[in-house]
């Protein structure tokens, strides 16, 4: 599946957003209803959901990875729950990073599975049950804030401070997934990522509503010694410009770049163009960890692209280094409280 948001979503609302506003209204009513209505499935372990207000990347996966590392530091066994995509989407599947390909399970689940137990399932309720069966002490959902039918003990919503919520319109007129008032009522905390000001209004709104606001930045895990290096950058992520900014912060000179659709599997022609152009102009190929895992197991010249590409991995660095542990503690306490209430209501 390729997910590419229209560019007009990320600019001031124009005639296209307003033309689509009737559809946005209907979509928003349905999405908002789903968030508050209907019975939710409860599991016996804490569930932390890492979501965002909008379609597209805000840093959910790096945040989920940081929380998993904090869980392991506490002696817990975290389990990631993802909807995934690909050939195995219709089957609840434990992801094996040494066996599965991105075409089978998706790129993000492969990244998550390198860190901890990961399950993909179209039905997140079934996926959560499978994680509990596999021995997970705490479940970290990558996405699903607006749509999961699970009881969530802690909902952390990530917002990018450069793109914010784009034009502010609901899908399909803009990138917002559900009415903001409804989303704000359901979240536990906001994670403000970066040093921009596009999220300031929402952050102030959350603070007035008594919601916790965390602050973090995406930082390279390894500088990869790119200072002064002439590079050809390629990325198939929701916001390639974010990757380019990271490279520039490392001192790389971006001579050429190629942006592909989010989650896009590269064709033979696209791979050949990257290899041939970079060789002709003496450029170092640089990409993201998501793009790198998508290349593994691919045919043709994909192995050459793997060998010639340098990967810049990023991690979510919280301003308060104790914040990830605090988030987990609050989720654990919320789970304990709901289980006690459920036991009190159970017939004797």
Protein backbone atom coordinates (compact mmCIF):
# COMPACT_ATOMS: atom_id res chain seq x y z
CA UNK A 1 0.00 0.00 0.00
CA UNK A 2 1.27 3.46 -0.90
CA UNK A 3 0.00 6.32 1.20
CA UNK A 4 0.82 9.77 -0.14
CA UNK A 5 -0.99 12.81 1.23
CA UNK A 6 -1.92 15.49 -1.32
CA UNK A 7 0.42 18.50 -1.03
CA UNK A 8 -2.51 20.90 -0.59
CA UNK A 9 -3.25 19.27 2.77
CA UNK A 10 -0.13 20.89 4.22
CA UNK A 11 -0.80 24.43 3.02
CA UNK A 12 -3.38 27.03 4.00
CA UNK A 13 -6.85 25.75 3.15
CA UNK A 14 -7.71 26.54 -0.48
CA UNK A 15 -10.68 25.87 -2.76
CA UNK A 16 -9.96 22.14 -2.82
CA UNK A 17 -10.28 21.82 0.94
CA UNK A 18 -13.51 23.82 0.97
CA UNK A 19 -14.92 21.92 -2.01
CA UNK A 20 -14.39 18.67 -0.13
CA UNK A 21 -15.77 20.01 3.15
CA UNK A 22 -19.12 18.13 2.88
CA UNK A 23 -17.23 14.85 2.61
CA UNK A 24 -14.94 15.92 5.44
CA UNK A 25 -17.99 16.60 7.59
CA UNK A 26 -19.38 13.10 6.99
CA UNK A 27 -15.98 11.45 7.54
CA UNK A 28 -15.49 13.43 10.75
CA UNK A 29 -18.90 12.48 12.13
CA UNK A 30 -18.24 8.78 11.54
CA UNK A 31 -14.67 8.92 12.91
CA UNK A 32 -15.76 10.89 15.96
CA UNK A 33 -18.62 8.49 16.66
CA UNK A 34 -16.28 5.51 16.48
CA UNK A 35 -13.91 7.07 18.99
CA UNK A 36 -16.51 7.40 21.74
CA UNK A 37 -19.21 4.83 20.98
CA UNK A 38 -19.25 1.07 20.96
CA UNK A 39 -17.92 -1.58 23.31
CA UNK A 40 -14.16 -1.93 23.50
CA UNK A 41 -12.20 -5.11 24.05
CA UNK A 42 -10.11 -5.21 27.26
CA UNK A 43 -6.94 -7.21 27.76
CA UNK A 44 -5.22 -8.09 31.03
CA UNK A 45 -2.10 -6.00 30.40
CA UNK A 46 -1.59 -2.24 30.02
CA UNK A 47 -2.13 -0.78 26.54
CA UNK A 48 -0.26 2.34 25.44
CA UNK A 49 -1.37 3.83 22.13
CA UNK A 50 1.03 6.03 20.16
CA UNK A 51 -1.04 7.95 17.64
CA UNK A 52 -1.29 11.30 15.90
CA UNK A 53 -3.96 13.81 14.96
CA UNK A 54 -3.33 13.49 11.24
CA UNK A 55 -2.58 11.14 8.39
CA UNK A 56 1.15 10.94 7.77
CA UNK A 57 4.31 10.69 9.78
CA UNK A 58 4.77 12.61 13.00
CA UNK A 59 7.23 10.27 14.67
CA UNK A 60 4.99 7.49 16.00
CA UNK A 61 7.36 4.61 15.30
CA UNK A 62 10.47 6.18 16.91
CA UNK A 63 8.29 7.06 19.91
CA UNK A 64 7.03 3.48 20.19
CA UNK A 65 10.61 2.19 20.04
CA UNK A 66 11.69 4.57 22.82
CA UNK A 67 8.82 3.39 25.02
CA UNK A 68 9.74 -0.25 24.39
CA UNK A 69 13.32 0.39 25.48
CA UNK A 70 12.02 2.05 28.64
CA UNK A 71 9.77 -0.96 29.28
CA UNK A 72 12.67 -3.36 28.92
CA UNK A 73 14.71 -1.22 31.32
CA UNK A 74 11.91 -1.84 33.85
CA UNK A 75 12.22 -5.59 33.34
CA UNK A 76 9.01 -5.81 31.31
CA UNK A 77 8.40 -7.68 28.08
CA UNK A 78 6.86 -5.15 25.68
CA UNK A 79 4.86 -6.20 22.66
CA UNK A 80 4.16 -4.01 19.65
CA UNK A 81 0.76 -4.07 18.00
CA UNK A 82 0.47 -2.81 14.42
CA UNK A 83 -2.13 -3.06 11.73
CA UNK A 84 0.67 -3.68 9.26
CA UNK A 85 0.06 -4.09 5.57
CA UNK A 86 1.03 -6.51 2.84
CA UNK A 87 0.40 -10.12 1.96
CA UNK A 88 -0.12 -11.29 5.54
CA UNK A 89 -2.51 -8.55 6.61
CA UNK A 90 -5.53 -10.86 6.82
CA UNK A 91 -3.75 -13.17 9.29
CA UNK A 92 -2.76 -12.31 12.86
CA UNK A 93 1.00 -12.75 12.55
CA UNK A 94 4.03 -12.63 14.82
CA UNK A 95 6.60 -10.71 12.78
CA UNK A 96 9.98 -12.36 12.22
CA UNK A 97 12.49 -9.73 11.03
CA UNK A 98 14.82 -12.45 9.76
CA UNK A 99 12.14 -14.14 7.68
CA UNK A 100 9.43 -11.69 6.67
CA UNK A 101 9.77 -9.00 4.01
CA UNK A 102 8.18 -5.58 3.89
CA UNK A 103 5.85 -6.87 1.17
CA UNK A 104 4.55 -9.43 3.69
CA UNK A 105 4.08 -7.35 6.83
CA UNK A 106 5.07 -3.73 6.17
CA UNK A 107 8.21 -1.72 6.86
CA UNK A 108 7.28 -0.30 10.28
CA UNK A 109 6.50 -3.74 11.80
CA UNK A 110 9.90 -4.95 10.60
CA UNK A 111 11.59 -2.04 12.38
CA UNK A 112 9.58 -2.67 15.54
CA UNK A 113 10.34 -6.40 15.47
CA UNK A 114 14.06 -5.67 15.63
CA UNK A 115 13.43 -4.22 19.10
CA UNK A 116 10.69 -6.39 20.62
CA UNK A 117 7.90 -8.91 20.05
CA UNK A 118 5.65 -7.57 17.27
CA UNK A 119 2.25 -8.73 16.04
CA UNK A 120 0.31 -7.43 13.05
CA UNK A 121 -3.41 -7.89 12.61
CA UNK A 122 -6.20 -6.19 10.70
CA UNK A 123 -8.27 -6.74 13.86
CA UNK A 124 -6.29 -5.15 16.66
CA UNK A 125 -8.37 -6.96 19.27
CA UNK A 126 -7.11 -10.30 17.92
CA UNK A 127 -3.58 -8.92 17.73
CA UNK A 128 -3.69 -7.80 21.37
CA UNK A 129 -4.92 -11.22 22.48
CA UNK A 130 -2.06 -12.83 20.57
CA UNK A 131 0.50 -10.57 22.26
CA UNK A 132 -0.84 -11.53 25.69
CA UNK A 133 -0.66 -15.19 24.69
CA UNK A 134 2.96 -14.66 23.60
CA UNK A 135 3.80 -13.30 27.05
CA UNK A 136 3.79 -9.53 26.56
CA UNK A 137 3.61 -7.59 29.85
CA UNK A 138 2.63 -4.33 28.16
CA UNK A 139 1.27 -3.56 24.68
CA UNK A 140 2.47 -0.58 22.67
CA UNK A 141 0.19 0.22 19.76
CA UNK A 142 1.77 1.92 16.77
CA UNK A 143 -1.20 3.98 15.53
CA UNK A 144 -4.88 3.12 15.97
CA UNK A 145 -5.83 6.00 18.27
CA UNK A 146 -8.93 6.91 16.26
CA UNK A 147 -10.05 3.43 15.23
CA UNK A 148 -8.89 0.64 17.53
CA UNK A 149 -11.60 -1.27 19.36
CA UNK A 150 -9.32 -1.84 22.35
CA UNK A 151 -9.45 -0.34 25.80
CA UNK A 152 -6.48 2.05 25.84
CA UNK A 153 -4.87 2.82 29.18
CA UNK A 154 -2.69 5.67 27.93
CA UNK A 155 -3.00 7.52 24.62
CA UNK A 156 0.05 9.54 23.61
CA UNK A 157 -0.57 11.69 20.54
CA UNK A 158 2.52 12.82 18.62
CA UNK A 159 2.51 16.10 16.71
CA UNK A 160 5.22 17.46 14.44
CA UNK A 161 5.88 21.13 15.16
CA UNK A 162 6.84 21.96 11.56
CA UNK A 163 3.81 20.54 9.74
CA UNK A 164 1.34 20.66 12.62
CA UNK A 165 -2.13 19.64 11.43
CA UNK A 166 -1.70 21.09 7.95
CA UNK A 167 -4.73 23.01 6.70
CA UNK A 168 -6.76 21.81 9.69
CA UNK A 169 -9.45 20.11 7.59
CA UNK A 170 -10.62 16.55 8.11
CA UNK A 171 -9.97 13.83 5.50
CA UNK A 172 -10.42 14.05 2.50
CA UNK A 173 -10.14 17.86 2.53
CA UNK A 174 -7.14 17.77 4.84
CA UNK A 175 -4.99 15.44 6.94
CA UNK A 176 -6.93 15.49 10.23
CA UNK A 177 -8.34 12.06 11.10
CA UNK A 178 -11.24 13.03 13.35
CA UNK A 179 -12.72 16.17 14.93
CA UNK A 180 -10.02 17.75 17.09
CA UNK A 181 -12.36 18.28 20.04
CA UNK A 182 -13.13 14.57 20.10
CA UNK A 183 -9.49 13.61 19.76
CA UNK A 184 -8.47 16.01 22.52
CA UNK A 185 -11.06 14.49 24.86
CA UNK A 186 -9.70 10.98 24.31
CA UNK A 187 -5.95 11.54 24.54
CA UNK A 188 -3.86 11.30 27.71
CA UNK A 189 -0.93 13.45 26.62
CA UNK A 190 0.65 15.19 23.65
CA UNK A 191 4.24 14.71 22.52
CA UNK A 192 5.46 17.86 20.80
CA UNK A 193 8.29 16.98 18.41
CA UNK A 194 10.76 19.52 17.05
CA UNK A 195 11.36 23.24 17.35
CA UNK A 196 8.70 24.65 15.01
CA UNK A 197 5.63 26.62 16.01
CA UNK A 198 2.92 24.95 13.90
CA UNK A 199 1.66 22.97 16.91
CA UNK A 200 1.57 25.85 19.40
CA UNK A 201 -2.19 26.40 19.22
CA UNK A 202 -2.99 22.75 19.86
CA UNK A 203 -0.44 22.52 22.64
CA UNK A 204 -2.01 25.53 24.40
CA UNK A 205 -5.44 23.96 23.95
CA UNK A 206 -4.21 20.70 25.48
CA UNK A 207 -2.62 22.51 28.42
CA UNK A 208 -5.88 24.38 29.12
CA UNK A 209 -7.70 21.04 29.09
CA UNK A 210 -5.31 19.71 31.73
CA UNK A 211 -3.51 17.34 29.38
CA UNK A 212 0.17 16.56 29.89
CA UNK A 213 2.51 17.94 27.24
CA UNK A 214 5.87 16.28 26.61
CA UNK A 215 8.60 17.70 24.39
CA UNK A 216 11.05 15.72 22.27
CA UNK A 217 13.28 15.90 19.21
CA UNK A 218 14.19 13.35 16.57
CA UNK A 219 17.93 12.83 16.79
CA UNK A 220 20.24 10.63 14.70
CA UNK A 221 21.38 7.56 16.59
CA UNK A 222 24.66 7.68 14.70
CA UNK A 223 26.00 10.72 12.86
CA UNK A 224 27.36 8.36 10.17
CA UNK A 225 30.15 10.93 9.63
CA UNK A 226 28.31 12.72 6.84
CA UNK A 227 29.75 16.19 7.39
CA UNK A 228 30.81 17.60 4.01
CA UNK A 229 29.72 14.47 2.13
CA UNK A 230 27.95 15.01 -1.21
CA UNK A 231 24.87 12.81 -1.07
CA UNK A 232 21.91 11.62 -3.04
CA UNK A 233 19.10 11.18 -0.53
CA UNK A 234 16.09 8.96 -1.17
CA UNK A 235 13.10 8.38 1.07
CA UNK A 236 9.65 6.84 0.83
CA UNK A 237 8.17 8.25 4.03
CA UNK A 238 5.25 10.55 4.80
CA UNK A 239 7.47 13.63 5.21
CA UNK A 240 10.72 13.31 3.21
CA UNK A 241 11.59 16.94 4.00
CA UNK A 242 12.08 15.92 7.63
CA UNK A 243 14.75 13.44 6.52
CA UNK A 244 16.46 16.08 4.40
CA UNK A 245 16.56 18.43 7.40
CA UNK A 246 18.20 15.69 9.44
CA UNK A 247 20.89 15.22 6.79
CA UNK A 248 21.53 18.96 6.66
CA UNK A 249 21.85 19.03 10.45
CA UNK A 250 24.61 16.43 10.09
CA UNK A 251 26.46 18.63 7.61
CA UNK A 252 25.70 16.55 4.51
CA UNK A 253 25.51 18.34 1.16
CA UNK A 254 22.34 17.16 -0.58
CA UNK A 255 23.16 17.33 -4.27
CA UNK A 256 20.17 15.25 -5.39
CA UNK A 257 17.15 13.70 -3.76
CA UNK A 258 14.29 11.40 -4.68
CA UNK A 259 11.01 11.26 -2.77
CA UNK A 260 8.73 8.25 -3.13
CA UNK A 261 5.31 7.44 -1.72
CA UNK A 262 5.02 6.43 1.92
CA UNK A 263 5.70 2.68 2.23
CA UNK A 264 6.45 2.44 -1.50
CA UNK A 265 8.32 -0.61 -2.74
CA UNK A 266 10.81 0.55 -5.37
CA UNK A 267 10.60 -0.76 -8.91
CA UNK A 268 13.60 -2.06 -10.84
CA UNK A 269 13.70 1.14 -12.89
CA UNK A 270 13.67 3.33 -9.78
CA UNK A 271 16.46 1.31 -8.18
CA UNK A 272 18.51 1.47 -11.37
CA UNK A 273 18.06 5.24 -11.60
CA UNK A 274 19.30 5.73 -8.03
CA UNK A 275 22.34 3.54 -8.60
CA UNK A 276 23.25 4.95 -12.01
CA UNK A 277 22.72 8.62 -11.19
CA UNK A 278 24.67 8.46 -7.93
CA UNK A 279 27.55 6.62 -9.64
CA UNK A 280 27.65 9.05 -12.56
CA UNK A 281 27.85 12.08 -10.27
CA UNK A 282 30.00 10.57 -7.52
CA UNK A 283 27.34 10.84 -4.83
CA UNK A 284 26.88 8.81 -1.66
CA UNK A 285 23.43 7.25 -1.40
CA UNK A 286 21.72 7.94 1.93
CA UNK A 287 18.32 6.72 3.11
CA UNK A 288 16.10 6.03 6.11
CA UNK A 289 15.82 2.83 8.12
CA UNK A 290 12.26 2.32 6.82
CA UNK A 291 13.45 2.48 3.21
CA UNK A 292 16.35 0.17 3.99
CA UNK A 293 14.17 -2.62 5.40
CA UNK A 294 11.88 -2.39 2.36
CA UNK A 295 14.83 -3.23 0.12
CA UNK A 296 15.69 -6.43 1.97
CA UNK A 297 14.53 -9.51 0.14
CA UNK A 298 13.78 -7.58 -3.05
CA UNK A 299 15.03 -8.91 -6.37
CA UNK A 300 17.29 -7.54 -9.09
CA UNK A 301 19.67 -4.73 -8.18
CA UNK A 302 18.13 -4.16 -4.76
CA UNK A 303 21.09 -5.91 -3.13
CA UNK A 304 23.44 -3.44 -4.87
CA UNK A 305 21.40 -0.54 -3.53
CA UNK A 306 21.57 -2.02 -0.03
CA UNK A 307 25.34 -2.38 -0.27
CA UNK A 308 25.85 1.18 -1.52
CA UNK A 309 23.40 3.00 0.77
CA UNK A 310 24.19 4.54 4.12
CA UNK A 311 21.36 4.51 6.62
CA UNK A 312 20.62 7.33 9.04
CA UNK A 313 18.56 6.02 11.95
CA UNK A 314 16.80 8.41 14.31
CA UNK A 315 15.43 8.07 17.81
CA UNK A 316 12.95 10.08 19.83
CA UNK A 317 14.84 11.99 22.50
CA UNK A 318 12.53 13.32 25.24
CA UNK A 319 13.59 16.56 26.90
CA UNK A 320 12.76 14.87 30.19
CA UNK A 321 14.63 11.58 30.10
CA UNK A 322 12.30 10.18 32.78
CA UNK A 323 9.19 10.82 30.65
CA UNK A 324 9.01 7.42 28.89
CA UNK A 325 9.15 5.58 32.22
CA UNK A 326 6.51 7.93 33.64
CA UNK A 327 4.20 7.22 30.69
CA UNK A 328 4.52 3.50 31.28
CA UNK A 329 3.90 3.89 35.01
CA UNK A 330 0.68 5.81 34.34
CA UNK A 331 -0.48 3.16 31.86
CA UNK A 332 0.25 0.40 34.38
CA UNK A 333 -1.67 2.23 37.10
CA UNK A 334 -4.63 2.86 34.76
CA UNK A 335 -4.71 -0.83 33.84
CA UNK A 336 -4.63 -1.83 37.50
CA UNK A 337 -7.51 0.52 38.27
CA UNK A 338 -9.74 -0.69 35.42
CA UNK A 339 -9.11 -4.34 36.36
CA UNK A 340 -10.05 -3.67 39.97
CA UNK A 341 -13.24 -1.95 38.83
CA UNK A 342 -14.03 -4.86 36.50
CA UNK A 343 -13.52 -7.33 39.36
CA UNK A 344 -15.79 -5.30 41.64
CA UNK A 345 -18.56 -5.36 39.04
CA UNK A 346 -18.20 -9.07 38.28
CA UNK A 347 -21.00 -11.27 39.65
CA UNK A 348 -20.06 -13.32 42.69
